[in-house]
């Protein structure tokens, strides 16, 4: 879902209402002083793990235009939308842990 409109037109509120109606979890970033690429990548990891390896719950990632303080943020979001992953986001040991966490659930659901 991509919402476009003038600031203050209710894009965020509309997205949150849709998430509530569809019983979807919400995930948004909180910009703090010194927030940069490393913090954004950590937030991406938390989001992807919660949406897939954690509770495996449908999750909405809410990102406003004012939160894009580095072009890399958009590149990462584009990679998630196009390829389903961000290259080199997880180190190999974390990848193995995530795979281990999801393997049993995937078998239960008949996925290989």
C-alpha atoms as a PDB file:
ATOM      1  CA  UNK A   1       0.000   0.000   0.000  1.00  0.00           C
ATOM      2  CA  UNK A   2       1.471   3.323  -1.027  1.00  0.00           C
ATOM      3  CA  UNK A   3      -0.292   6.434   0.181  1.00  0.00           C
ATOM      4  CA  UNK A   4       0.534   9.754  -1.441  1.00  0.00           C
ATOM      5  CA  UNK A   5      -0.761  13.129  -0.333  1.00  0.00           C
ATOM      6  CA  UNK A   6       0.019  16.497   1.171  1.00  0.00           C
ATOM      7  CA  UNK A   7       1.408  16.523   4.716  1.00  0.00           C
ATOM      8  CA  UNK A   8      -1.368  16.384   7.285  1.00  0.00           C
ATOM      9  CA  UNK A   9      -3.833  14.701   4.936  1.00  0.00           C
ATOM     10  CA  UNK A  10      -4.100  11.539   7.055  1.00  0.00           C
ATOM     11  CA  UNK A  11      -1.863   9.054   5.219  1.00  0.00           C
ATOM     12  CA  UNK A  12      -0.437   7.629   8.424  1.00  0.00           C
ATOM     13  CA  UNK A  13      -3.840   7.471  10.101  1.00  0.00           C
ATOM     14  CA  UNK A  14      -5.340   5.704   7.088  1.00  0.00           C
ATOM     15  CA  UNK A  15      -2.520   3.146   7.047  1.00  0.00           C
ATOM     16  CA  UNK A  16      -2.908   2.502  10.787  1.00  0.00           C
ATOM     17  CA  UNK A  17      -6.675   2.042  10.444  1.00  0.00           C
ATOM     18  CA  UNK A  18      -6.112  -0.456   7.594  1.00  0.00           C
ATOM     19  CA  UNK A  19      -3.585  -2.338   9.724  1.00  0.00           C
ATOM     20  CA  UNK A  20      -6.005  -2.468  12.641  1.00  0.00           C
ATOM     21  CA  UNK A  21      -8.874  -3.661  10.463  1.00  0.00           C
ATOM     22  CA  UNK A  22      -6.748  -6.422   8.952  1.00  0.00           C
ATOM     23  CA  UNK A  23      -5.236  -7.361  12.337  1.00  0.00           C
ATOM     24  CA  UNK A  24      -1.774  -6.524  11.026  1.00  0.00           C
ATOM     25  CA  UNK A  25       1.055  -5.531  13.341  1.00  0.00           C
ATOM     26  CA  UNK A  26       2.621  -2.114  12.850  1.00  0.00           C
ATOM     27  CA  UNK A  27       6.328  -1.349  12.713  1.00  0.00           C
ATOM     28  CA  UNK A  28       7.724   2.130  12.322  1.00  0.00           C
ATOM     29  CA  UNK A  29      11.090   3.648  13.005  1.00  0.00           C
ATOM     30  CA  UNK A  30      11.740   6.305  15.624  1.00  0.00           C
ATOM     31  CA  UNK A  31      14.292   8.850  14.528  1.00  0.00           C
ATOM     32  CA  UNK A  32      16.622   9.891  17.308  1.00  0.00           C
ATOM     33  CA  UNK A  33      19.734  11.999  17.390  1.00  0.00           C
ATOM     34  CA  UNK A  34      22.476  10.078  15.624  1.00  0.00           C
ATOM     35  CA  UNK A  35      20.029   7.766  13.824  1.00  0.00           C
ATOM     36  CA  UNK A  36      21.757   6.581  10.684  1.00  0.00           C
ATOM     37  CA  UNK A  37      22.282   3.657   8.359  1.00  0.00           C
ATOM     38  CA  UNK A  38      23.402   1.252  11.104  1.00  0.00           C
ATOM     39  CA  UNK A  39      20.332   1.965  13.255  1.00  0.00           C
ATOM     40  CA  UNK A  40      18.065   1.680  10.202  1.00  0.00           C
ATOM     41  CA  UNK A  41      19.580  -1.692   9.303  1.00  0.00           C
ATOM     42  CA  UNK A  42      19.003  -2.914  12.872  1.00  0.00           C
ATOM     43  CA  UNK A  43      15.366  -1.783  12.607  1.00  0.00           C
ATOM     44  CA  UNK A  44      15.093  -3.618   9.276  1.00  0.00           C
ATOM     45  CA  UNK A  45      16.395  -6.781  10.916  1.00  0.00           C
ATOM     46  CA  UNK A  46      13.858  -6.484  13.748  1.00  0.00           C
ATOM     47  CA  UNK A  47      11.056  -5.935  11.237  1.00  0.00           C
ATOM     48  CA  UNK A  48      12.004  -8.840   8.980  1.00  0.00           C
ATOM     49  CA  UNK A  49      12.495 -11.227  11.901  1.00  0.00           C
ATOM     50  CA  UNK A  50       9.168 -10.279  13.473  1.00  0.00           C
ATOM     51  CA  UNK A  51       7.368 -10.653  10.146  1.00  0.00           C
ATOM     52  CA  UNK A  52       8.978 -13.971   9.221  1.00  0.00           C
ATOM     53  CA  UNK A  53      11.052 -15.743  11.821  1.00  0.00           C
ATOM     54  CA  UNK A  54       9.501 -14.396  15.003  1.00  0.00           C
ATOM     55  CA  UNK A  55       5.764 -14.589  15.420  1.00  0.00           C
ATOM     56  CA  UNK A  56       5.400 -14.751  11.616  1.00  0.00           C
ATOM     57  CA  UNK A  57       2.632 -12.184  11.842  1.00  0.00           C
ATOM     58  CA  UNK A  58       1.574  -9.955   8.965  1.00  0.00           C
ATOM     59  CA  UNK A  59       3.339  -6.668   9.618  1.00  0.00           C
ATOM     60  CA  UNK A  60       3.049  -3.193   8.112  1.00  0.00           C
ATOM     61  CA  UNK A  61       6.267  -1.182   7.814  1.00  0.00           C
ATOM     62  CA  UNK A  62       5.355   2.487   8.064  1.00  0.00           C
ATOM     63  CA  UNK A  63       7.910   4.940   6.671  1.00  0.00           C
ATOM     64  CA  UNK A  64       7.211   8.632   6.165  1.00  0.00           C
ATOM     65  CA  UNK A  65       9.058  10.843   3.703  1.00  0.00           C
ATOM     66  CA  UNK A  66      10.446  12.883   6.601  1.00  0.00           C
ATOM     67  CA  UNK A  67      12.122   9.743   7.990  1.00  0.00           C
ATOM     68  CA  UNK A  68      14.216   9.193   4.874  1.00  0.00           C
ATOM     69  CA  UNK A  69      17.412  10.903   5.955  1.00  0.00           C
ATOM     70  CA  UNK A  70      19.699   8.818   3.771  1.00  0.00           C
ATOM     71  CA  UNK A  71      19.244   7.511   0.229  1.00  0.00           C
ATOM     72  CA  UNK A  72      20.337   4.067   1.420  1.00  0.00           C
ATOM     73  CA  UNK A  73      17.015   3.759   3.290  1.00  0.00           C
ATOM     74  CA  UNK A  74      15.161   3.834  -0.037  1.00  0.00           C
ATOM     75  CA  UNK A  75      17.605   1.437  -1.657  1.00  0.00           C
ATOM     76  CA  UNK A  76      17.012  -1.089   1.131  1.00  0.00           C
ATOM     77  CA  UNK A  77      13.221  -0.729   0.908  1.00  0.00           C
ATOM     78  CA  UNK A  78      13.463  -1.154  -2.866  1.00  0.00           C
ATOM     79  CA  UNK A  79      15.495  -4.353  -2.400  1.00  0.00           C
ATOM     80  CA  UNK A  80      12.894  -5.741   0.005  1.00  0.00           C
ATOM     81  CA  UNK A  81      10.069  -4.973  -2.412  1.00  0.00           C
ATOM     82  CA  UNK A  82      11.848  -6.293  -5.513  1.00  0.00           C
ATOM     83  CA  UNK A  83      13.964  -9.194  -4.256  1.00  0.00           C
ATOM     84  CA  UNK A  84      12.524  -9.913  -0.804  1.00  0.00           C
ATOM     85  CA  UNK A  85      15.868  -9.326   0.893  1.00  0.00           C
ATOM     86  CA  UNK A  86      18.584  -6.786   1.569  1.00  0.00           C
ATOM     87  CA  UNK A  87      22.000  -8.075   0.491  1.00  0.00           C
ATOM     88  CA  UNK A  88      24.412  -8.580   3.409  1.00  0.00           C
ATOM     89  CA  UNK A  89      21.864  -7.426   5.987  1.00  0.00           C
ATOM     90  CA  UNK A  90      22.307 -10.530   8.144  1.00  0.00           C
ATOM     91  CA  UNK A  91      25.712 -12.071   8.917  1.00  0.00           C
ATOM     92  CA  UNK A  92      26.002 -15.807   8.163  1.00  0.00           C
ATOM     93  CA  UNK A  93      25.524 -16.882  11.792  1.00  0.00           C
ATOM     94  CA  UNK A  94      22.280 -14.895  12.054  1.00  0.00           C
ATOM     95  CA  UNK A  95      21.044 -16.336   8.751  1.00  0.00           C
ATOM     96  CA  UNK A  96      21.530 -19.857  10.118  1.00  0.00           C
ATOM     97  CA  UNK A  97      19.650 -18.943  13.308  1.00  0.00           C
ATOM     98  CA  UNK A  98      16.728 -17.460  11.357  1.00  0.00           C
ATOM     99  CA  UNK A  99      16.569 -20.516   9.097  1.00  0.00           C
ATOM    100  CA  UNK A 100      16.573 -22.789  12.145  1.00  0.00           C
ATOM    101  CA  UNK A 101      13.789 -20.749  13.765  1.00  0.00           C
ATOM    102  CA  UNK A 102      11.560 -20.922  10.696  1.00  0.00           C
ATOM    103  CA  UNK A 103      12.255 -24.467   9.476  1.00  0.00           C
ATOM    104  CA  UNK A 104       9.924 -26.222  11.953  1.00  0.00           C
ATOM    105  CA  UNK A 105       7.050 -23.801  11.279  1.00  0.00           C
ATOM    106  CA  UNK A 106       7.520 -24.186   7.525  1.00  0.00           C
ATOM    107  CA  UNK A 107       7.290 -27.978   7.792  1.00  0.00           C
ATOM    108  CA  UNK A 108       4.125 -27.712   9.885  1.00  0.00           C
ATOM    109  CA  UNK A 109       2.546 -25.571   7.162  1.00  0.00           C
ATOM    110  CA  UNK A 110       3.634 -27.969   4.417  1.00  0.00           C
ATOM    111  CA  UNK A 111       6.283 -25.691   2.961  1.00  0.00           C
ATOM    112  CA  UNK A 112       9.770 -26.903   2.182  1.00  0.00           C
END
